[in-house]
All heavy atoms as atom14 arrays in JSON, in Angstrom:
{
  "sequence": "AAIAGNHVVIELRGSGAFAALVHLRSGSLRVAAGARVTAGQQIAACGN",
  "atom14_mask": [
    [1, 1, 1, 1, 1, 0, 0, 0, 0, 0, 0, 0, 0, 0],
    [1, 1, 1, 1, 1, 0, 0, 0, 0, 0, 0, 0, 0, 0],
    [1, 1, 1, 1, 1, 1, 1, 1, 0, 0, 0, 0, 0, 0],
    [1, 1, 1, 1, 1, 0, 0, 0, 0, 0, 0, 0, 0, 0],
    [1, 1, 1, 1, 0, 0, 0, 0, 0, 0, 0, 0, 0, 0],
    [1, 1, 1, 1, 1, 1, 1, 1, 0, 0, 0, 0, 0, 0],
    [1, 1, 1, 1, 1, 1, 1, 1, 1, 1, 0, 0, 0, 0],
    [1, 1, 1, 1, 1, 1, 1, 0, 0, 0, 0, 0, 0, 0],
    [1, 1, 1, 1, 1, 1, 1, 0, 0, 0, 0, 0, 0, 0],
    [1, 1, 1, 1, 1, 1, 1, 1, 0, 0, 0, 0, 0, 0],
    [1, 1, 1, 1, 1, 1, 1, 1, 1, 0, 0, 0, 0, 0],
    [1, 1, 1, 1, 1, 1, 1, 1, 0, 0, 0, 0, 0, 0],
    [1, 1, 1, 1, 1, 1, 1, 1, 1, 1, 1, 0, 0, 0],
    [1, 1, 1, 1, 0, 0, 0, 0, 0, 0, 0, 0, 0, 0],
    [1, 1, 1, 1, 1, 1, 0, 0, 0, 0, 0, 0, 0, 0],
    [1, 1, 1, 1, 0, 0, 0, 0, 0, 0, 0, 0, 0, 0],
    [1, 1, 1, 1, 1, 0, 0, 0, 0, 0, 0, 0, 0, 0],
    [1, 1, 1, 1, 1, 1, 1, 1, 1, 1, 1, 0, 0, 0],
    [1, 1, 1, 1, 1, 0, 0, 0, 0, 0, 0, 0, 0, 0],
    [1, 1, 1, 1, 1, 0, 0, 0, 0, 0, 0, 0, 0, 0],
    [1, 1, 1, 1, 1, 1, 1, 1, 0, 0, 0, 0, 0, 0],
    [1, 1, 1, 1, 1, 1, 1, 0, 0, 0, 0, 0, 0, 0],
    [1, 1, 1, 1, 1, 1, 1, 1, 1, 1, 0, 0, 0, 0],
    [1, 1, 1, 1, 1, 1, 1, 1, 0, 0, 0, 0, 0, 0],
    [1, 1, 1, 1, 1, 1, 1, 1, 1, 1, 1, 0, 0, 0],
    [1, 1, 1, 1, 1, 1, 0, 0, 0, 0, 0, 0, 0, 0],
    [1, 1, 1, 1, 0, 0, 0, 0, 0, 0, 0, 0, 0, 0],
    [1, 1, 1, 1, 1, 1, 0, 0, 0, 0, 0, 0, 0, 0],
    [1, 1, 1, 1, 1, 1, 1, 1, 0, 0, 0, 0, 0, 0],
    [1, 1, 1, 1, 1, 1, 1, 1, 1, 1, 1, 0, 0, 0],
    [1, 1, 1, 1, 1, 1, 1, 0, 0, 0, 0, 0, 0, 0],
    [1, 1, 1, 1, 1, 0, 0, 0, 0, 0, 0, 0, 0, 0],
    [1, 1, 1, 1, 1, 0, 0, 0, 0, 0, 0, 0, 0, 0],
    [1, 1, 1, 1, 0, 0, 0, 0, 0, 0, 0, 0, 0, 0],
    [1, 1, 1, 1, 1, 0, 0, 0, 0, 0, 0, 0, 0, 0],
    [1, 1, 1, 1, 1, 1, 1, 1, 1, 1, 1, 0, 0, 0],
    [1, 1, 1, 1, 1, 1, 1, 0, 0, 0, 0, 0, 0, 0],
    [1, 1, 1, 1, 1, 1, 1, 0, 0, 0, 0, 0, 0, 0],
    [1, 1, 1, 1, 1, 0, 0, 0, 0, 0, 0, 0, 0, 0],
    [1, 1, 1, 1, 0, 0, 0, 0, 0, 0, 0, 0, 0, 0],
    [1, 1, 1, 1, 1, 1, 1, 1, 1, 0, 0, 0, 0, 0],
    [1, 1, 1, 1, 1, 1, 1, 1, 1, 0, 0, 0, 0, 0],
    [1, 1, 1, 1, 1, 1, 1, 1, 0, 0, 0, 0, 0, 0],
    [1, 1, 1, 1, 1, 0, 0, 0, 0, 0, 0, 0, 0, 0],
    [1, 1, 1, 1, 1, 0, 0, 0, 0, 0, 0, 0, 0, 0],
    [1, 1, 1, 1, 1, 1, 0, 0, 0, 0, 0, 0, 0, 0],
    [1, 1, 1, 1, 0, 0, 0, 0, 0, 0, 0, 0, 0, 0],
    [1, 1, 1, 1, 1, 1, 1, 1, 0, 0, 0, 0, 0, 0]
  ],
  "atom14_positions": [
    [[124.18, 163.12, 76.39], [124.7, 161.79, 76.8], [126.17, 161.9, 77.25], [126.52, 161.25, 78.23], [124.55, 160.81, 75.7], [0.0, 0.0, 0.0], [0.0, 0.0, 0.0], [0.0, 0.0, 0.0], [0.0, 0.0, 0.0], [0.0, 0.0, 0.0], [0.0, 0.0, 0.0], [0.0, 0.0, 0.0], [0.0, 0.0, 0.0], [0.0, 0.0, 0.0]],
    [[126.94, 162.7, 76.6], [128.34, 162.83, 77.01], [128.51, 163.63, 78.33], [129.47, 163.37, 79.11], [129.15, 163.63, 75.94], [0.0, 0.0, 0.0], [0.0, 0.0, 0.0], [0.0, 0.0, 0.0], [0.0, 0.0, 0.0], [0.0, 0.0, 0.0], [0.0, 0.0, 0.0], [0.0, 0.0, 0.0], [0.0, 0.0, 0.0], [0.0, 0.0, 0.0]],
    [[127.5, 164.47, 78.67], [127.54, 165.13, 79.98], [126.86, 164.32, 81.1], [127.49, 164.14, 82.14], [126.85, 166.53, 79.86], [127.6, 167.4, 78.8], [126.77, 167.22, 81.21], [129.0, 167.75, 79.2], [0.0, 0.0, 0.0], [0.0, 0.0, 0.0], [0.0, 0.0, 0.0], [0.0, 0.0, 0.0], [0.0, 0.0, 0.0], [0.0, 0.0, 0.0]],
    [[125.67, 163.84, 80.81], [124.91, 163.13, 81.84], [125.35, 161.64, 81.98], [125.17, 161.07, 83.05], [123.41, 163.17, 81.48], [0.0, 0.0, 0.0], [0.0, 0.0, 0.0], [0.0, 0.0, 0.0], [0.0, 0.0, 0.0], [0.0, 0.0, 0.0], [0.0, 0.0, 0.0], [0.0, 0.0, 0.0], [0.0, 0.0, 0.0], [0.0, 0.0, 0.0]],
    [[125.99, 161.13, 80.99], [126.3, 159.69, 81.04], [125.07, 158.86, 81.06], [124.04, 159.17, 80.5], [0.0, 0.0, 0.0], [0.0, 0.0, 0.0], [0.0, 0.0, 0.0], [0.0, 0.0, 0.0], [0.0, 0.0, 0.0], [0.0, 0.0, 0.0], [0.0, 0.0, 0.0], [0.0, 0.0, 0.0], [0.0, 0.0, 0.0], [0.0, 0.0, 0.0]],
    [[125.11, 157.76, 81.78], [123.89, 156.89, 81.91], [122.95, 157.63, 82.84], [123.34, 158.06, 83.94], [124.3, 155.51, 82.46], [125.43, 154.85, 81.61], [125.35, 154.86, 80.37], [126.49, 154.39, 82.27], [0.0, 0.0, 0.0], [0.0, 0.0, 0.0], [0.0, 0.0, 0.0], [0.0, 0.0, 0.0], [0.0, 0.0, 0.0], [0.0, 0.0, 0.0]],
    [[121.66, 157.68, 82.44], [120.73, 158.46, 83.23], [119.3, 157.98, 83.08], [118.97, 157.21, 82.12], [120.88, 159.95, 82.95], [120.52, 160.25, 81.46], [121.46, 160.29, 80.46], [119.38, 160.72, 80.86], [120.93, 160.64, 79.36], [119.61, 160.88, 79.53], [0.0, 0.0, 0.0], [0.0, 0.0, 0.0], [0.0, 0.0, 0.0], [0.0, 0.0, 0.0]],
    [[118.44, 158.39, 84.0], [117.04, 158.09, 84.03], [116.29, 159.41, 84.24], [116.73, 160.2, 85.08], [116.65, 157.08, 85.16], [115.17, 156.88, 85.24], [117.37, 155.8, 84.92], [0.0, 0.0, 0.0], [0.0, 0.0, 0.0], [0.0, 0.0, 0.0], [0.0, 0.0, 0.0], [0.0, 0.0, 0.0], [0.0, 0.0, 0.0], [0.0, 0.0, 0.0]],
    [[115.27, 159.63, 83.49], [114.35, 160.79, 83.65], [112.99, 160.27, 84.01], [112.43, 159.46, 83.34], [114.32, 161.66, 82.4], [113.36, 162.86, 82.61], [115.7, 162.13, 81.97], [0.0, 0.0, 0.0], [0.0, 0.0, 0.0], [0.0, 0.0, 0.0], [0.0, 0.0, 0.0], [0.0, 0.0, 0.0], [0.0, 0.0, 0.0], [0.0, 0.0, 0.0]],
    [[112.39, 160.78, 85.12], [111.12, 160.38, 85.63], [110.18, 161.59, 85.58], [110.49, 162.67, 86.09], [111.26, 159.89, 87.08], [112.22, 158.67, 87.17], [109.88, 159.49, 87.65], [112.61, 158.23, 88.58], [0.0, 0.0, 0.0], [0.0, 0.0, 0.0], [0.0, 0.0, 0.0], [0.0, 0.0, 0.0], [0.0, 0.0, 0.0], [0.0, 0.0, 0.0]],
    [[108.99, 161.41, 85.06], [107.9, 162.37, 85.14], [107.27, 162.18, 86.5], [106.77, 161.13, 86.83], [106.88, 162.19, 84.07], [105.84, 163.28, 84.08], [104.85, 163.2, 82.92], [104.86, 162.19, 82.16], [103.97, 164.1, 82.76], [0.0, 0.0, 0.0], [0.0, 0.0, 0.0], [0.0, 0.0, 0.0], [0.0, 0.0, 0.0], [0.0, 0.0, 0.0]],
    [[107.36, 163.22, 87.31], [106.9, 163.18, 88.72], [105.38, 163.34, 88.84], [104.82, 164.24, 88.31], [107.55, 164.24, 89.56], [109.1, 164.24, 89.55], [109.67, 165.39, 90.24], [109.66, 162.92, 90.11], [0.0, 0.0, 0.0], [0.0, 0.0, 0.0], [0.0, 0.0, 0.0], [0.0, 0.0, 0.0], [0.0, 0.0, 0.0], [0.0, 0.0, 0.0]],
    [[104.79, 162.41, 89.51], [103.32, 162.33, 89.56], [102.75, 163.61, 90.2], [103.22, 164.0, 91.29], [102.83, 161.15, 90.38], [101.35, 160.89, 90.34], [100.97, 159.61, 91.13], [101.17, 159.86, 92.57], [100.9, 158.9, 93.43], [100.6, 157.68, 93.05], [101.1, 159.17, 94.76], [0.0, 0.0, 0.0], [0.0, 0.0, 0.0], [0.0, 0.0, 0.0]],
    [[101.84, 164.26, 89.51], [101.09, 165.37, 90.09], [101.81, 166.71, 90.08], [101.26, 167.74, 90.57], [0.0, 0.0, 0.0], [0.0, 0.0, 0.0], [0.0, 0.0, 0.0], [0.0, 0.0, 0.0], [0.0, 0.0, 0.0], [0.0, 0.0, 0.0], [0.0, 0.0, 0.0], [0.0, 0.0, 0.0], [0.0, 0.0, 0.0], [0.0, 0.0, 0.0]],
    [[102.99, 166.79, 89.56], [103.71, 168.05, 89.59], [103.99, 168.67, 88.2], [104.26, 169.85, 88.17], [105.08, 167.89, 90.31], [105.96, 167.14, 89.44], [0.0, 0.0, 0.0], [0.0, 0.0, 0.0], [0.0, 0.0, 0.0], [0.0, 0.0, 0.0], [0.0, 0.0, 0.0], [0.0, 0.0, 0.0], [0.0, 0.0, 0.0], [0.0, 0.0, 0.0]],
    [[103.95, 167.84, 87.2], [104.27, 168.32, 85.85], [105.75, 168.52, 85.6], [106.1, 169.08, 84.6], [0.0, 0.0, 0.0], [0.0, 0.0, 0.0], [0.0, 0.0, 0.0], [0.0, 0.0, 0.0], [0.0, 0.0, 0.0], [0.0, 0.0, 0.0], [0.0, 0.0, 0.0], [0.0, 0.0, 0.0], [0.0, 0.0, 0.0], [0.0, 0.0, 0.0]],
    [[106.55, 168.08, 86.56], [108.0, 168.32, 86.54], [108.64, 166.91, 86.31], [107.98, 165.88, 86.4], [108.53, 168.94, 87.78], [0.0, 0.0, 0.0], [0.0, 0.0, 0.0], [0.0, 0.0, 0.0], [0.0, 0.0, 0.0], [0.0, 0.0, 0.0], [0.0, 0.0, 0.0], [0.0, 0.0, 0.0], [0.0, 0.0, 0.0], [0.0, 0.0, 0.0]],
    [[109.93, 166.96, 85.98], [110.73, 165.78, 85.61], [112.0, 165.77, 86.43], [112.71, 166.77, 86.54], [111.08, 165.79, 84.13], [109.92, 165.8, 83.24], [109.29, 167.07, 82.9], [109.36, 164.69, 82.61], [108.13, 167.11, 82.07], [108.3, 164.71, 81.81], [107.67, 165.95, 81.54], [0.0, 0.0, 0.0], [0.0, 0.0, 0.0], [0.0, 0.0, 0.0]],
    [[112.29, 164.6, 87.03], [113.54, 164.42, 87.78], [114.57, 163.64, 86.93], [114.22, 162.61, 86.35], [113.31, 163.75, 89.08], [0.0, 0.0, 0.0], [0.0, 0.0, 0.0], [0.0, 0.0, 0.0], [0.0, 0.0, 0.0], [0.0, 0.0, 0.0], [0.0, 0.0, 0.0], [0.0, 0.0, 0.0], [0.0, 0.0, 0.0], [0.0, 0.0, 0.0]],
    [[115.78, 164.1, 86.88], [116.83, 163.36, 86.17], [117.9, 162.93, 87.21], [118.34, 163.75, 88.0], [117.49, 164.25, 85.13], [0.0, 0.0, 0.0], [0.0, 0.0, 0.0], [0.0, 0.0, 0.0], [0.0, 0.0, 0.0], [0.0, 0.0, 0.0], [0.0, 0.0, 0.0], [0.0, 0.0, 0.0], [0.0, 0.0, 0.0], [0.0, 0.0, 0.0]],
    [[118.28, 161.63, 87.07], [119.33, 161.1, 87.96], [120.41, 160.61, 86.95], [120.14, 159.79, 86.14], [118.84, 159.98, 88.77], [117.75, 160.33, 89.81], [116.36, 159.94, 89.23], [117.94, 159.77, 91.17], [0.0, 0.0, 0.0], [0.0, 0.0, 0.0], [0.0, 0.0, 0.0], [0.0, 0.0, 0.0], [0.0, 0.0, 0.0], [0.0, 0.0, 0.0]],
    [[121.64, 161.16, 87.14], [122.68, 160.96, 86.09], [123.96, 160.46, 86.66], [124.19, 160.43, 87.87], [122.85, 162.25, 85.32], [121.52, 162.85, 84.9], [123.59, 163.27, 86.11], [0.0, 0.0, 0.0], [0.0, 0.0, 0.0], [0.0, 0.0, 0.0], [0.0, 0.0, 0.0], [0.0, 0.0, 0.0], [0.0, 0.0, 0.0], [0.0, 0.0, 0.0]],
    [[124.86, 160.08, 85.77], [126.22, 159.53, 86.08], [126.06, 158.09, 86.67], [126.86, 157.64, 87.43], [127.01, 160.4, 87.08], [127.12, 161.82, 86.62], [127.44, 162.17, 85.35], [126.9, 162.94, 87.36], [127.53, 163.48, 85.29], [127.17, 164.02, 86.47], [0.0, 0.0, 0.0], [0.0, 0.0, 0.0], [0.0, 0.0, 0.0], [0.0, 0.0, 0.0]],
    [[125.01, 157.35, 86.21], [124.77, 156.05, 86.72], [125.73, 155.01, 86.17], [126.36, 155.17, 85.13], [123.28, 155.62, 86.38], [122.25, 156.65, 86.88], [120.87, 156.29, 86.35], [122.22, 156.81, 88.39], [0.0, 0.0, 0.0], [0.0, 0.0, 0.0], [0.0, 0.0, 0.0], [0.0, 0.0, 0.0], [0.0, 0.0, 0.0], [0.0, 0.0, 0.0]],
    [[125.86, 153.88, 86.9], [126.81, 152.85, 86.56], [126.32, 152.15, 85.2], [125.15, 151.8, 85.1], [127.04, 151.82, 87.6], [128.04, 150.73, 87.22], [128.26, 149.79, 88.39], [127.16, 148.99, 88.77], [126.77, 147.92, 88.08], [127.41, 147.54, 86.95], [125.74, 147.23, 88.51], [0.0, 0.0, 0.0], [0.0, 0.0, 0.0], [0.0, 0.0, 0.0]],
    [[127.23, 151.94, 84.36], [126.94, 151.22, 83.06], [126.38, 149.84, 83.35], [126.87, 149.07, 84.18], [128.18, 151.08, 82.25], [127.92, 150.43, 81.09], [0.0, 0.0, 0.0], [0.0, 0.0, 0.0], [0.0, 0.0, 0.0], [0.0, 0.0, 0.0], [0.0, 0.0, 0.0], [0.0, 0.0, 0.0], [0.0, 0.0, 0.0], [0.0, 0.0, 0.0]],
    [[125.23, 149.56, 82.71], [124.57, 148.27, 82.85], [123.73, 148.14, 84.1], [123.17, 146.98, 84.32], [0.0, 0.0, 0.0], [0.0, 0.0, 0.0], [0.0, 0.0, 0.0], [0.0, 0.0, 0.0], [0.0, 0.0, 0.0], [0.0, 0.0, 0.0], [0.0, 0.0, 0.0], [0.0, 0.0, 0.0], [0.0, 0.0, 0.0], [0.0, 0.0, 0.0]],
    [[123.59, 149.14, 84.89], [122.89, 148.93, 86.19], [121.43, 149.41, 86.13], [120.68, 149.18, 87.1], [123.56, 149.82, 87.28], [123.32, 151.19, 87.12], [0.0, 0.0, 0.0], [0.0, 0.0, 0.0], [0.0, 0.0, 0.0], [0.0, 0.0, 0.0], [0.0, 0.0, 0.0], [0.0, 0.0, 0.0], [0.0, 0.0, 0.0], [0.0, 0.0, 0.0]],
    [[120.95, 150.02, 85.02], [119.65, 150.5, 84.94], [118.64, 149.34, 85.03], [118.68, 148.37, 84.29], [119.34, 151.36, 83.68], [119.81, 152.8, 83.75], [121.31, 152.94, 83.99], [119.41, 153.58, 82.51], [0.0, 0.0, 0.0], [0.0, 0.0, 0.0], [0.0, 0.0, 0.0], [0.0, 0.0, 0.0], [0.0, 0.0, 0.0], [0.0, 0.0, 0.0]],
    [[117.59, 149.51, 85.93], [116.58, 148.5, 86.16], [115.25, 148.85, 85.57], [114.3, 148.12, 85.78], [116.49, 148.25, 87.63], [117.71, 147.67, 88.36], [117.42, 147.3, 89.76], [118.48, 146.58, 90.44], [118.42, 145.88, 91.51], [117.22, 145.75, 92.08], [119.44, 145.25, 92.05], [0.0, 0.0, 0.0], [0.0, 0.0, 0.0], [0.0, 0.0, 0.0]],
    [[115.15, 149.99, 85.0], [113.87, 150.49, 84.48], [114.01, 150.84, 82.97], [115.08, 151.08, 82.45], [113.34, 151.7, 85.26], [112.97, 151.27, 86.69], [114.34, 152.8, 85.29], [0.0, 0.0, 0.0], [0.0, 0.0, 0.0], [0.0, 0.0, 0.0], [0.0, 0.0, 0.0], [0.0, 0.0, 0.0], [0.0, 0.0, 0.0], [0.0, 0.0, 0.0]],
    [[112.83, 150.87, 82.31], [112.76, 151.24, 80.91], [111.74, 152.32, 80.78], [110.83, 152.5, 81.65], [112.41, 150.02, 80.06], [0.0, 0.0, 0.0], [0.0, 0.0, 0.0], [0.0, 0.0, 0.0], [0.0, 0.0, 0.0], [0.0, 0.0, 0.0], [0.0, 0.0, 0.0], [0.0, 0.0, 0.0], [0.0, 0.0, 0.0], [0.0, 0.0, 0.0]],
    [[111.85, 153.08, 79.66], [110.78, 154.1, 79.39], [109.38, 153.49, 79.45], [109.09, 152.4, 78.91], [111.06, 154.71, 78.04], [0.0, 0.0, 0.0], [0.0, 0.0, 0.0], [0.0, 0.0, 0.0], [0.0, 0.0, 0.0], [0.0, 0.0, 0.0], [0.0, 0.0, 0.0], [0.0, 0.0, 0.0], [0.0, 0.0, 0.0], [0.0, 0.0, 0.0]],
    [[108.47, 154.17, 80.15], [107.11, 153.8, 80.29], [106.83, 153.0, 81.6], [105.65, 152.81, 81.97], [0.0, 0.0, 0.0], [0.0, 0.0, 0.0], [0.0, 0.0, 0.0], [0.0, 0.0, 0.0], [0.0, 0.0, 0.0], [0.0, 0.0, 0.0], [0.0, 0.0, 0.0], [0.0, 0.0, 0.0], [0.0, 0.0, 0.0], [0.0, 0.0, 0.0]],
    [[107.89, 152.7, 82.32], [107.68, 151.95, 83.57], [107.24, 152.87, 84.65], [107.68, 154.08, 84.83], [109.04, 151.36, 84.03], [0.0, 0.0, 0.0], [0.0, 0.0, 0.0], [0.0, 0.0, 0.0], [0.0, 0.0, 0.0], [0.0, 0.0, 0.0], [0.0, 0.0, 0.0], [0.0, 0.0, 0.0], [0.0, 0.0, 0.0], [0.0, 0.0, 0.0]],
    [[106.3, 152.46, 85.54], [105.87, 153.2, 86.66], [106.78, 152.87, 87.83], [107.09, 151.72, 88.04], [104.39, 152.87, 87.02], [103.43, 153.31, 85.94], [101.98, 153.22, 86.41], [101.08, 153.66, 85.35], [100.73, 154.99, 85.27], [101.21, 155.86, 86.14], [99.97, 155.36, 84.28], [0.0, 0.0, 0.0], [0.0, 0.0, 0.0], [0.0, 0.0, 0.0]],
    [[107.21, 153.9, 88.55], [108.12, 153.72, 89.67], [107.5, 154.38, 90.95], [106.71, 155.27, 90.86], [109.54, 154.27, 89.48], [110.22, 153.53, 88.34], [109.47, 155.77, 89.08], [0.0, 0.0, 0.0], [0.0, 0.0, 0.0], [0.0, 0.0, 0.0], [0.0, 0.0, 0.0], [0.0, 0.0, 0.0], [0.0, 0.0, 0.0], [0.0, 0.0, 0.0]],
    [[107.85, 153.86, 92.12], [107.42, 154.45, 93.37], [108.68, 154.89, 94.17], [109.81, 154.39, 93.9], [106.66, 153.4, 94.25], [107.48, 152.28, 94.47], [105.39, 152.98, 93.55], [0.0, 0.0, 0.0], [0.0, 0.0, 0.0], [0.0, 0.0, 0.0], [0.0, 0.0, 0.0], [0.0, 0.0, 0.0], [0.0, 0.0, 0.0], [0.0, 0.0, 0.0]],
    [[108.48, 155.88, 95.02], [109.55, 156.45, 95.76], [110.23, 155.33, 96.63], [109.56, 154.53, 97.23], [109.04, 157.49, 96.73], [0.0, 0.0, 0.0], [0.0, 0.0, 0.0], [0.0, 0.0, 0.0], [0.0, 0.0, 0.0], [0.0, 0.0, 0.0], [0.0, 0.0, 0.0], [0.0, 0.0, 0.0], [0.0, 0.0, 0.0], [0.0, 0.0, 0.0]],
    [[111.61, 155.25, 96.49], [112.35, 154.29, 97.2], [112.65, 153.02, 96.39], [113.39, 152.14, 96.87], [0.0, 0.0, 0.0], [0.0, 0.0, 0.0], [0.0, 0.0, 0.0], [0.0, 0.0, 0.0], [0.0, 0.0, 0.0], [0.0, 0.0, 0.0], [0.0, 0.0, 0.0], [0.0, 0.0, 0.0], [0.0, 0.0, 0.0], [0.0, 0.0, 0.0]],
    [[112.06, 152.89, 95.22], [112.33, 151.72, 94.35], [113.74, 151.88, 93.72], [114.07, 152.97, 93.23], [111.29, 151.66, 93.28], [111.49, 150.58, 92.25], [110.42, 150.66, 91.12], [109.3, 151.22, 91.36], [110.79, 150.06, 89.97], [0.0, 0.0, 0.0], [0.0, 0.0, 0.0], [0.0, 0.0, 0.0], [0.0, 0.0, 0.0], [0.0, 0.0, 0.0]],
    [[114.54, 150.81, 93.72], [115.84, 150.93, 93.03], [115.69, 151.02, 91.54], [114.96, 150.23, 90.94], [116.71, 149.72, 93.42], [118.14, 149.95, 92.8], [119.18, 148.87, 93.22], [118.9, 148.07, 94.11], [120.3, 148.88, 92.57], [0.0, 0.0, 0.0], [0.0, 0.0, 0.0], [0.0, 0.0, 0.0], [0.0, 0.0, 0.0], [0.0, 0.0, 0.0]],
    [[116.32, 152.04, 91.01], [116.26, 152.2, 89.49], [117.56, 151.94, 88.85], [117.61, 151.72, 87.65], [115.72, 153.55, 89.19], [116.56, 154.7, 89.78], [114.21, 153.71, 89.63], [116.17, 156.11, 89.29], [0.0, 0.0, 0.0], [0.0, 0.0, 0.0], [0.0, 0.0, 0.0], [0.0, 0.0, 0.0], [0.0, 0.0, 0.0], [0.0, 0.0, 0.0]],
    [[118.68, 152.05, 89.58], [120.0, 151.88, 89.01], [121.04, 151.81, 90.13], [120.67, 151.65, 91.32], [120.33, 152.98, 88.06], [0.0, 0.0, 0.0], [0.0, 0.0, 0.0], [0.0, 0.0, 0.0], [0.0, 0.0, 0.0], [0.0, 0.0, 0.0], [0.0, 0.0, 0.0], [0.0, 0.0, 0.0], [0.0, 0.0, 0.0], [0.0, 0.0, 0.0]],
    [[122.31, 152.0, 89.8], [123.38, 152.08, 90.79], [124.27, 153.27, 90.49], [124.36, 153.72, 89.32], [124.2, 150.78, 90.75], [0.0, 0.0, 0.0], [0.0, 0.0, 0.0], [0.0, 0.0, 0.0], [0.0, 0.0, 0.0], [0.0, 0.0, 0.0], [0.0, 0.0, 0.0], [0.0, 0.0, 0.0], [0.0, 0.0, 0.0], [0.0, 0.0, 0.0]],
    [[124.92, 153.72, 91.49], [125.8, 154.91, 91.38], [127.02, 154.54, 90.52], [127.66, 153.48, 90.76], [126.26, 155.36, 92.75], [127.39, 156.79, 92.77], [0.0, 0.0, 0.0], [0.0, 0.0, 0.0], [0.0, 0.0, 0.0], [0.0, 0.0, 0.0], [0.0, 0.0, 0.0], [0.0, 0.0, 0.0], [0.0, 0.0, 0.0], [0.0, 0.0, 0.0]],
    [[127.35, 155.42, 89.61], [128.52, 155.16, 88.73], [129.37, 156.41, 88.51], [129.33, 157.36, 89.26], [0.0, 0.0, 0.0], [0.0, 0.0, 0.0], [0.0, 0.0, 0.0], [0.0, 0.0, 0.0], [0.0, 0.0, 0.0], [0.0, 0.0, 0.0], [0.0, 0.0, 0.0], [0.0, 0.0, 0.0], [0.0, 0.0, 0.0], [0.0, 0.0, 0.0]],
    [[130.16, 156.35, 87.44], [131.09, 157.45, 87.15], [131.07, 157.65, 85.68], [132.12, 157.8, 85.02], [132.47, 157.11, 87.67], [133.37, 158.36, 87.74], [132.89, 159.43, 88.22], [134.61, 158.27, 87.38], [0.0, 0.0, 0.0], [0.0, 0.0, 0.0], [0.0, 0.0, 0.0], [0.0, 0.0, 0.0], [0.0, 0.0, 0.0], [0.0, 0.0, 0.0]]
  ]
}
């Protein structure tokens, strides 16, 4: 958490791999664990 900061990890459909998007803006996350997402869907905002 101290390295990645605010982040989201997505299990990628059909690949068995996971994508992590990190350093997101505090309070901007729009998804929760268990949510299904599609490519291009906003999940958060860029932060520091």
